[in-house]
Amino acid sequence: MPKVKTNSGAKKRFTLTGTGKIKRQHAYHSHILTKKTKKQKRNLDHADLVDSTNKRQVRELLCLR
């Protein structure tokens, strides 16, 4: 049986925490920042955890089954 490959895009976007949760960054913080308020940019800067509805999909992309 061949090896299962990790999705390259997912590998760059997600990291695992010590307890096995999956961390992600917020979108919309890379460009067109002039029209966004300071508060909006500040809140987009923080990392967040992957929602439980998407956890299974992300785990499959990262080959963590």
C-alpha atoms as a PDB file:
ATOM      1  CA  MET A   1       0.000   0.000   0.000  1.00  0.00           C
ATOM      2  CA  PRO A   2       1.445   3.414  -0.940  1.00  0.00           C
ATOM      3  CA  LYS A   3       2.142   6.119   1.581  1.00  0.00           C
ATOM      4  CA  VAL A   4      -0.514   8.813   2.074  1.00  0.00           C
ATOM      5  CA  LYS A   5       0.754  12.275   1.218  1.00  0.00           C
ATOM      6  CA  THR A   6       0.067  15.305   3.385  1.00  0.00           C
ATOM      7  CA  ASN A   7      -1.601  18.194   1.551  1.00  0.00           C
ATOM      8  CA  SER A   8       1.110  20.824   0.990  1.00  0.00           C
ATOM      9  CA  GLY A   9      -1.233  23.795   1.378  1.00  0.00           C
ATOM     10  CA  ALA A  10      -2.623  22.482   4.664  1.00  0.00           C
ATOM     11  CA  LYS A  11       0.874  21.738   5.940  1.00  0.00           C
ATOM     12  CA  LYS A  12       1.750  25.441   5.621  1.00  0.00           C
ATOM     13  CA  ARG A  13      -1.509  26.748   7.128  1.00  0.00           C
ATOM     14  CA  PHE A  14      -2.120  24.605  10.209  1.00  0.00           C
ATOM     15  CA  THR A  15      -0.070  23.683  13.280  1.00  0.00           C
ATOM     16  CA  LEU A  16      -0.774  21.249  16.078  1.00  0.00           C
ATOM     17  CA  THR A  17      -0.850  22.298  19.716  1.00  0.00           C
ATOM     18  CA  GLY A  18       0.578  20.157  22.488  1.00  0.00           C
ATOM     19  CA  THR A  19      -2.876  18.833  23.367  1.00  0.00           C
ATOM     20  CA  GLY A  20      -3.643  17.826  19.751  1.00  0.00           C
ATOM     21  CA  LYS A  21      -5.839  20.759  18.769  1.00  0.00           C
ATOM     22  CA  ILE A  22      -5.289  22.421  15.384  1.00  0.00           C
ATOM     23  CA  LYS A  23      -4.283  26.095  15.245  1.00  0.00           C
ATOM     24  CA  ARG A  24      -4.992  28.404  12.318  1.00  0.00           C
ATOM     25  CA  GLN A  25      -4.517  32.051  11.370  1.00  0.00           C
ATOM     26  CA  HIS A  26      -7.306  34.444  10.421  1.00  0.00           C
ATOM     27  CA  ALA A  27      -7.851  35.338   6.775  1.00  0.00           C
ATOM     28  CA  TYR A  28      -7.993  38.908   5.345  1.00  0.00           C
ATOM     29  CA  HIS A  29      -4.856  40.158   7.108  1.00  0.00           C
ATOM     30  CA  SER A  30      -2.386  40.098   4.226  1.00  0.00           C
ATOM     31  CA  HIS A  31      -3.346  42.996   1.937  1.00  0.00           C
ATOM     32  CA  ILE A  32      -5.837  45.839   1.405  1.00  0.00           C
ATOM     33  CA  LEU A  33      -5.279  46.861   5.015  1.00  0.00           C
ATOM     34  CA  THR A  34      -5.778  50.609   4.503  1.00  0.00           C
ATOM     35  CA  LYS A  35      -9.571  50.420   4.574  1.00  0.00           C
ATOM     36  CA  LYS A  36      -9.676  48.181   7.666  1.00  0.00           C
ATOM     37  CA  THR A  37      -9.824  49.692  11.120  1.00  0.00           C
ATOM     38  CA  LYS A  38      -7.082  49.217  13.721  1.00  0.00           C
ATOM     39  CA  LYS A  39      -9.440  47.103  15.799  1.00  0.00           C
ATOM     40  CA  GLN A  40     -10.279  44.856  12.853  1.00  0.00           C
ATOM     41  CA  LYS A  41      -6.588  44.343  11.969  1.00  0.00           C
ATOM     42  CA  ARG A  42      -5.683  43.685  15.603  1.00  0.00           C
ATOM     43  CA  ASN A  43      -8.391  41.040  15.965  1.00  0.00           C
ATOM     44  CA  LEU A  44      -7.334  39.331  12.723  1.00  0.00           C
ATOM     45  CA  ASP A  45      -3.742  39.081  13.990  1.00  0.00           C
ATOM     46  CA  HIS A  46      -4.454  36.469  16.677  1.00  0.00           C
ATOM     47  CA  ALA A  47      -4.313  32.725  16.053  1.00  0.00           C
ATOM     48  CA  ASP A  48      -7.441  30.679  16.579  1.00  0.00           C
ATOM     49  CA  LEU A  49      -8.428  27.011  16.768  1.00  0.00           C
ATOM     50  CA  VAL A  50     -10.073  25.144  13.914  1.00  0.00           C
ATOM     51  CA  ASP A  51     -13.821  24.804  14.454  1.00  0.00           C
ATOM     52  CA  SER A  52     -15.184  21.387  15.345  1.00  0.00           C
ATOM     53  CA  THR A  53     -17.171  21.236  12.074  1.00  0.00           C
ATOM     54  CA  ASN A  54     -13.951  21.514  10.022  1.00  0.00           C
ATOM     55  CA  LYS A  55     -11.675  19.477  12.282  1.00  0.00           C
ATOM     56  CA  ARG A  56     -12.246  16.166  10.468  1.00  0.00           C
ATOM     57  CA  GLN A  57     -11.478  17.672   7.037  1.00  0.00           C
ATOM     58  CA  VAL A  58      -8.279  19.333   8.250  1.00  0.00           C
ATOM     59  CA  ARG A  59      -7.116  16.158  10.003  1.00  0.00           C
ATOM     60  CA  GLU A  60      -7.568  14.238   6.740  1.00  0.00           C
ATOM     61  CA  LEU A  61      -5.546  16.837   4.820  1.00  0.00           C
ATOM     62  CA  LEU A  62      -2.764  16.578   7.411  1.00  0.00           C
ATOM     63  CA  CYS A  63      -3.003  12.728   7.482  1.00  0.00           C
ATOM     64  CA  LEU A  64      -3.734  12.619  11.217  1.00  0.00           C
ATOM     65  CA  ARG A  65      -6.296   9.816  11.351  1.00  0.00           C
END
